[in-house]
N, C-alpha and C. Protein backbone atom coordinates (compact mmCIF):
# COMPACT_ATOMS: atom_id res chain seq x y z
N MET A 1 -58.47 7.36 8.26
CA MET A 1 -59.38 7.16 7.18
C MET A 1 -60.64 5.82 6.62
N SER A 2 -61.40 6.47 6.93
CA SER A 2 -62.84 5.04 6.12
C SER A 2 -62.74 5.32 4.93
N THR A 3 -63.39 4.19 4.02
CA THR A 3 -64.30 4.34 2.98
C THR A 3 -65.07 3.22 3.15
N THR A 4 -65.89 3.45 2.24
CA THR A 4 -66.79 2.04 2.15
C THR A 4 -66.69 0.76 1.12
N ILE A 5 -66.96 -0.44 2.08
CA ILE A 5 -66.50 -1.64 0.40
C ILE A 5 -68.01 -2.29 0.67
N ASN A 6 -68.72 -2.67 0.18
CA ASN A 6 -70.20 -3.40 0.49
C ASN A 6 -70.97 -2.61 1.43
N GLY A 7 -70.57 -1.40 1.70
CA GLY A 7 -71.71 -0.65 3.09
C GLY A 7 -71.05 -0.59 3.96
N LYS A 8 -69.78 -1.06 4.39
CA LYS A 8 -68.57 -1.26 5.32
C LYS A 8 -67.74 -0.54 5.40
N PRO A 9 -67.67 0.17 6.55
CA PRO A 9 -66.46 1.05 6.61
C PRO A 9 -64.97 0.36 6.39
N ILE A 10 -63.82 0.79 6.10
CA ILE A 10 -62.65 -0.38 6.10
C ILE A 10 -61.89 1.28 6.64
N PHE A 11 -60.73 0.92 7.75
CA PHE A 11 -60.03 1.90 8.37
C PHE A 11 -58.07 0.98 7.83
N VAL A 12 -57.88 1.98 7.39
CA VAL A 12 -56.20 1.50 7.07
C VAL A 12 -55.15 2.56 7.83
N LYS A 13 -54.36 1.68 8.97
CA LYS A 13 -53.37 2.76 9.62
C LYS A 13 -52.56 2.87 8.65
N LYS A 14 -51.56 4.20 9.05
CA LYS A 14 -50.60 4.71 8.31
C LYS A 14 -49.29 3.62 7.70
N ASP A 15 -49.21 2.64 8.64
CA ASP A 15 -48.09 2.12 8.22
C ASP A 15 -48.25 0.33 7.72
N ASP A 16 -50.08 1.06 7.76
CA ASP A 16 -50.83 -0.87 7.14
C ASP A 16 -50.81 -0.40 5.24
N GLY A 17 -50.91 -1.64 5.30
CA GLY A 17 -51.59 -1.69 3.83
C GLY A 17 -51.12 -3.33 3.12
N LEU A 18 -51.80 -3.46 1.89
CA LEU A 18 -52.11 -4.75 1.49
C LEU A 18 -50.92 -5.05 0.79
N ILE A 19 -50.42 -4.60 -0.23
CA ILE A 19 -48.90 -5.00 -0.77
C ILE A 19 -47.96 -3.87 -0.77
N ASP A 20 -46.86 -4.45 -0.29
CA ASP A 20 -45.83 -3.67 -0.54
C ASP A 20 -44.81 -3.54 -1.80
N LYS A 21 -44.32 -2.55 -2.36
CA LYS A 21 -43.58 -3.51 -3.50
C LYS A 21 -42.25 -2.06 -3.41
N THR A 22 -41.25 -3.11 -3.30
CA THR A 22 -40.00 -1.41 -3.53
C THR A 22 -39.31 -2.22 -4.91
N ARG A 23 -38.94 -1.39 -6.09
CA ARG A 23 -38.26 -1.33 -7.11
C ARG A 23 -37.37 -0.12 -7.40
N GLN A 24 -35.84 -0.78 -7.40
CA GLN A 24 -34.67 0.17 -7.34
C GLN A 24 -35.18 1.65 -6.23
N ALA A 25 -35.29 2.62 -6.63
CA ALA A 25 -35.93 3.79 -5.63
C ALA A 25 -37.12 4.44 -5.89
N ARG A 26 -38.21 3.04 -5.92
CA ARG A 26 -39.38 3.25 -6.02
C ARG A 26 -40.22 2.69 -4.67
N LYS A 27 -41.19 3.26 -4.49
CA LYS A 27 -41.80 1.82 -3.36
C LYS A 27 -43.48 2.50 -3.67
N TYR A 28 -43.89 1.30 -3.68
CA TYR A 28 -45.72 1.49 -3.98
C TYR A 28 -45.93 1.24 -2.25
N GLN A 29 -47.21 0.90 -2.07
CA GLN A 29 -47.75 0.44 -0.91
C GLN A 29 -49.43 1.08 -1.33
N LEU A 30 -49.94 -0.34 -2.13
CA LEU A 30 -51.02 -0.55 -2.06
C LEU A 30 -52.00 -0.35 -0.91
N LYS A 31 -52.82 0.38 -0.37
CA LYS A 31 -53.79 0.55 1.44
C LYS A 31 -54.52 0.11 0.79
N LEU A 32 -55.93 0.37 0.10
CA LEU A 32 -56.76 -0.71 -0.25
C LEU A 32 -57.18 -0.66 -1.55
N LYS A 33 -58.46 -1.42 -1.61
CA LYS A 33 -58.99 -1.73 -3.46
C LYS A 33 -60.20 -2.25 -2.91
N SER A 34 -61.22 -1.44 -3.33
CA SER A 34 -62.48 -2.08 -3.48
C SER A 34 -62.72 -2.73 -5.20
N ASP A 35 -64.46 -2.74 -5.27
CA ASP A 35 -64.66 -3.18 -6.47
C ASP A 35 -64.35 -2.15 -7.59
N LYS A 36 -64.34 -0.83 -7.13
CA LYS A 36 -64.51 0.63 -7.79
C LYS A 36 -63.51 1.50 -7.90
N MET A 37 -62.31 1.14 -6.88
CA MET A 37 -61.36 2.64 -6.74
C MET A 37 -60.24 1.20 -5.77
N GLU A 38 -59.23 2.38 -5.87
CA GLU A 38 -57.93 1.91 -5.19
C GLU A 38 -56.88 3.25 -4.75
N ALA A 39 -56.37 2.81 -3.27
CA ALA A 39 -55.45 3.94 -2.88
C ALA A 39 -54.03 3.37 -2.81
N ILE A 40 -53.21 4.44 -3.48
CA ILE A 40 -51.89 3.68 -3.49
C ILE A 40 -51.06 4.59 -2.94
N THR A 41 -49.65 4.46 -2.07
CA THR A 41 -49.25 5.65 -1.74
C THR A 41 -47.26 5.24 -2.42
N SER A 42 -47.02 6.18 -2.89
CA SER A 42 -45.95 5.76 -3.68
C SER A 42 -44.76 6.66 -3.00
N GLU A 43 -43.17 6.46 -2.92
CA GLU A 43 -42.22 7.29 -2.81
C GLU A 43 -41.24 6.91 -4.01
N LEU A 44 -40.88 8.21 -4.30
CA LEU A 44 -39.55 8.47 -5.74
C LEU A 44 -37.97 8.68 -5.04
N ASP A 45 -37.73 8.44 -4.84
CA ASP A 45 -35.86 8.56 -4.35
C ASP A 45 -35.71 9.76 -4.96
N PRO A 46 -34.59 10.82 -4.92
CA PRO A 46 -34.16 11.75 -5.92
C PRO A 46 -34.07 11.54 -7.56
N HIS A 47 -34.06 11.95 -7.58
CA HIS A 47 -33.80 12.04 -9.04
C HIS A 47 -33.83 10.53 -10.35
N THR A 48 -35.22 9.82 -9.64
CA THR A 48 -35.79 9.20 -10.43
C THR A 48 -37.66 9.34 -10.50
N GLU A 49 -37.86 8.02 -11.94
CA GLU A 49 -38.98 8.18 -12.00
C GLU A 49 -39.49 7.00 -12.21
N SER A 50 -41.21 6.68 -12.05
CA SER A 50 -41.73 5.60 -12.53
C SER A 50 -41.54 5.17 -14.11
N GLN A 51 -41.82 4.21 -14.14
CA GLN A 51 -42.27 3.73 -15.84
C GLN A 51 -43.27 4.20 -16.22
N TRP A 52 -44.01 4.47 -17.53
CA TRP A 52 -44.68 4.62 -18.44
C TRP A 52 -46.16 3.83 -17.60
N PHE A 53 -47.08 4.29 -17.58
CA PHE A 53 -48.46 3.27 -17.44
C PHE A 53 -49.33 4.26 -18.48
N LYS A 54 -50.35 2.93 -18.72
CA LYS A 54 -51.07 3.44 -19.61
C LYS A 54 -52.67 2.14 -19.45
N HIS A 55 -53.47 2.71 -19.19
CA HIS A 55 -54.58 1.54 -18.72
C HIS A 55 -55.99 2.25 -18.60
N SER A 56 -56.81 1.75 -18.87
CA SER A 56 -58.54 2.29 -18.42
C SER A 56 -58.53 2.87 -17.40
N GLY A 57 -59.49 4.15 -17.09
CA GLY A 57 -59.90 4.59 -15.95
C GLY A 57 -59.63 6.11 -15.63
N GLU A 58 -59.61 6.82 -14.41
CA GLU A 58 -59.07 7.91 -14.22
C GLU A 58 -58.21 7.79 -13.04
N GLU A 59 -57.07 8.88 -12.40
CA GLU A 59 -56.55 8.79 -11.61
C GLU A 59 -56.44 10.30 -11.06
N ILE A 60 -56.88 10.64 -9.44
CA ILE A 60 -56.10 11.62 -8.62
C ILE A 60 -54.71 11.55 -7.98
N HIS A 61 -53.42 12.50 -8.01
CA HIS A 61 -52.63 12.53 -7.25
C HIS A 61 -52.36 13.58 -6.44
N LEU A 62 -51.66 13.02 -5.19
CA LEU A 62 -52.23 13.91 -4.24
C LEU A 62 -50.68 14.21 -3.65
N VAL A 63 -49.76 15.12 -3.55
CA VAL A 63 -48.35 15.05 -3.41
C VAL A 63 -48.19 15.53 -1.95
N LEU A 64 -47.49 14.46 -1.11
CA LEU A 64 -47.77 14.37 0.44
C LEU A 64 -46.72 15.42 1.05
N LYS A 65 -45.64 14.90 0.38
CA LYS A 65 -44.81 15.79 0.60
C LYS A 65 -42.86 15.92 -0.49
N GLY A 66 -42.93 16.60 -0.70
CA GLY A 66 -41.84 16.97 -1.60
C GLY A 66 -42.32 18.02 -2.77
N GLU A 67 -41.76 17.51 -4.18
CA GLU A 67 -42.10 17.82 -5.41
C GLU A 67 -41.82 16.96 -6.65
N LEU A 68 -42.80 16.76 -7.15
CA LEU A 68 -43.47 15.55 -8.37
C LEU A 68 -43.76 16.39 -9.73
N GLU A 69 -42.78 15.73 -10.81
CA GLU A 69 -42.97 15.94 -11.79
C GLU A 69 -43.96 15.70 -12.61
N TYR A 70 -45.04 15.85 -13.17
CA TYR A 70 -46.28 14.39 -13.42
C TYR A 70 -46.70 14.97 -15.22
N THR A 71 -46.31 13.48 -16.01
CA THR A 71 -46.68 13.66 -17.44
C THR A 71 -47.65 13.09 -17.89
N VAL A 72 -48.59 13.56 -18.34
CA VAL A 72 -49.63 13.34 -18.86
C VAL A 72 -49.71 12.94 -20.42
N GLY A 73 -49.57 12.28 -21.37
CA GLY A 73 -49.59 12.58 -22.57
C GLY A 73 -48.08 13.21 -22.98
N ASP A 74 -48.56 14.49 -23.62
CA ASP A 74 -47.40 15.68 -24.26
C ASP A 74 -47.37 16.53 -23.05
N LYS A 75 -48.23 16.54 -21.92
CA LYS A 75 -48.47 17.72 -20.95
C LYS A 75 -47.44 17.35 -19.94
N PHE A 76 -46.55 18.28 -19.35
CA PHE A 76 -45.78 18.38 -17.86
C PHE A 76 -46.66 18.87 -17.21
N PHE A 77 -46.51 18.54 -15.76
CA PHE A 77 -46.59 19.15 -14.73
C PHE A 77 -46.21 19.16 -13.34
N LYS A 78 -45.73 20.19 -12.46
CA LYS A 78 -45.26 20.05 -11.43
C LYS A 78 -46.11 20.59 -10.36
N LEU A 79 -45.81 19.43 -9.81
CA LEU A 79 -46.88 19.65 -7.99
C LEU A 79 -45.83 19.14 -7.03
N CYS A 80 -46.43 20.35 -5.86
CA CYS A 80 -45.73 20.43 -5.08
C CYS A 80 -46.81 20.23 -4.00
N GLU A 81 -46.06 20.34 -2.66
CA GLU A 81 -47.08 19.43 -1.06
C GLU A 81 -48.45 20.31 -1.14
N GLY A 82 -49.37 19.40 -1.02
CA GLY A 82 -50.72 19.59 -1.50
C GLY A 82 -51.66 19.93 -2.50
N ASP A 83 -50.57 20.06 -4.19
CA ASP A 83 -51.20 19.89 -5.22
C ASP A 83 -51.73 18.62 -5.55
N ILE A 84 -52.77 18.73 -6.03
CA ILE A 84 -53.64 17.52 -7.17
C ILE A 84 -53.75 17.59 -8.34
N LEU A 85 -53.77 16.03 -9.07
CA LEU A 85 -54.01 16.29 -10.77
C LEU A 85 -54.75 15.61 -10.69
N TRP A 86 -55.36 15.17 -11.99
CA TRP A 86 -56.30 14.32 -12.14
C TRP A 86 -56.50 14.30 -13.70
N HIS A 87 -56.57 13.14 -13.90
CA HIS A 87 -56.06 12.89 -16.12
C HIS A 87 -56.86 11.43 -15.84
N ASP A 88 -56.74 11.44 -17.10
CA ASP A 88 -57.65 10.14 -17.71
C ASP A 88 -56.12 9.49 -18.09
N SER A 89 -56.77 8.17 -17.27
CA SER A 89 -55.47 6.93 -17.15
C SER A 89 -54.96 6.12 -18.86
N SER A 90 -55.94 6.51 -20.08
CA SER A 90 -55.52 5.95 -20.86
C SER A 90 -55.04 6.48 -21.58
N LYS A 91 -54.21 7.91 -21.25
CA LYS A 91 -53.13 8.54 -21.85
C LYS A 91 -51.84 8.18 -21.00
N PRO A 92 -51.01 7.76 -21.78
CA PRO A 92 -49.08 7.27 -20.94
C PRO A 92 -49.03 8.59 -20.27
N HIS A 93 -48.62 8.05 -18.62
CA HIS A 93 -48.32 9.00 -17.77
C HIS A 93 -47.19 8.22 -16.93
N ARG A 94 -46.68 9.34 -16.21
CA ARG A 94 -45.69 8.73 -15.40
C ARG A 94 -44.96 9.63 -14.74
N ALA A 95 -44.32 9.44 -13.29
CA ALA A 95 -44.08 10.59 -12.18
C ALA A 95 -42.80 10.54 -12.26
N LYS A 96 -42.03 11.83 -11.65
CA LYS A 96 -40.42 11.95 -11.90
C LYS A 96 -40.21 12.97 -10.78
N ASN A 97 -38.87 12.53 -10.01
CA ASN A 97 -39.05 13.40 -9.02
C ASN A 97 -37.55 13.97 -9.83
N THR A 98 -37.47 15.34 -9.18
CA THR A 98 -36.74 15.89 -10.14
C THR A 98 -35.46 16.82 -9.32
N SER A 99 -36.17 16.64 -8.20
CA SER A 99 -35.17 16.85 -6.91
C SER A 99 -34.36 16.28 -6.31
N ASP A 100 -34.32 16.82 -5.25
CA ASP A 100 -32.67 16.38 -4.40
C ASP A 100 -33.28 15.62 -3.29
N LYS A 101 -34.43 15.65 -2.73
CA LYS A 101 -34.97 15.33 -2.03
C LYS A 101 -36.71 14.31 -2.27
N LYS A 102 -36.45 13.09 -1.13
CA LYS A 102 -37.88 11.65 -1.60
C LYS A 102 -38.99 12.80 -1.59
N VAL A 103 -39.87 12.21 -2.66
CA VAL A 103 -40.88 12.40 -2.77
C VAL A 103 -42.15 11.86 -2.37
N LYS A 104 -43.04 11.82 -1.72
CA LYS A 104 -44.05 11.02 -1.58
C LYS A 104 -45.55 11.44 -1.75
N TYR A 105 -46.43 11.10 -2.79
CA TYR A 105 -47.86 10.73 -2.85
C TYR A 105 -48.92 10.04 -3.02
N ILE A 106 -49.47 10.46 -2.97
CA ILE A 106 -51.13 9.23 -2.81
C ILE A 106 -51.87 9.23 -4.47
N THR A 107 -52.03 8.16 -4.94
CA THR A 107 -52.79 8.53 -6.30
C THR A 107 -54.62 7.17 -5.70
N ILE A 108 -55.03 7.78 -6.38
CA ILE A 108 -56.52 7.47 -6.09
C ILE A 108 -56.88 6.65 -7.55
N GLY A 109 -57.35 5.61 -7.36
CA GLY A 109 -57.93 5.35 -9.59
C GLY A 109 -58.74 4.53 -9.05
N THR A 110 -59.52 4.59 -10.54
CA THR A 110 -60.98 3.72 -10.26
C THR A 110 -60.79 3.96 -12.24
N PRO A 111 -61.04 2.30 -12.53
CA PRO A 111 -61.28 1.27 -11.75
C PRO A 111 -59.94 0.77 -11.16
N PRO A 112 -59.96 -0.27 -10.22
CA PRO A 112 -58.51 -0.09 -9.85
C PRO A 112 -57.93 -1.33 -10.47
N THR A 113 -56.77 -1.09 -10.98
CA THR A 113 -55.82 -1.59 -11.69
C THR A 113 -54.22 -2.12 -11.20
N PHE A 114 -54.03 -1.52 -10.37
CA PHE A 114 -52.88 -1.84 -9.69
C PHE A 114 -52.43 -3.78 -10.21
N MET A 115 -51.63 -3.55 -10.29
CA MET A 115 -50.70 -5.26 -10.64
C MET A 115 -49.15 -4.74 -10.02
N ILE A 116 -49.04 -5.71 -9.32
CA ILE A 116 -47.55 -5.99 -8.86
C ILE A 116 -46.84 -6.41 -9.86
N ASP A 117 -47.07 -7.09 -10.76
CA ASP A 117 -45.77 -7.38 -11.90
C ASP A 117 -45.33 -6.22 -12.95
N ASP A 118 -46.94 -5.23 -13.01
CA ASP A 118 -46.42 -3.86 -13.83
C ASP A 118 -45.32 -3.11 -13.18
N LEU A 119 -44.91 -2.98 -12.05
CA LEU A 119 -43.80 -2.59 -11.15
C LEU A 119 -42.66 -2.49 -11.50
C-alpha cells in the first residue's frame, strides 16, 4: 500500500513501522505519518481495553481480525472483521476487546496525533 507525502509515494511493508509500543496487553505500531494523517495498527489481547483518548481531528477504524467494542462518547459499537467506524476524535473514545481472541485493527487519523507517551 502506498500513500503520498509531498507528492512522493511511501510504501510500508507488513512488518515495518516507525514506532512499536507494547504496554501490558496492548500493542501499537505507527505505520506511517504525514503532515495531515497517520496510520496505526493496534492489537488488544482478550478482555483488555485501551485507555480513553480525546483530541482534535477524526479517525477511521477498520477491524482486520477478531471483534472489537468501540466507545465514542456515550455510544457503543460492536465491530467485526471488515467493519469500519468513523468518529470525531474530540469525543472521548476507547477500544475494548470483550472476546477470548486477540483483535487487530487499523486506525487512520487526521491530523496526526500519535504520541508514544500517551500510551
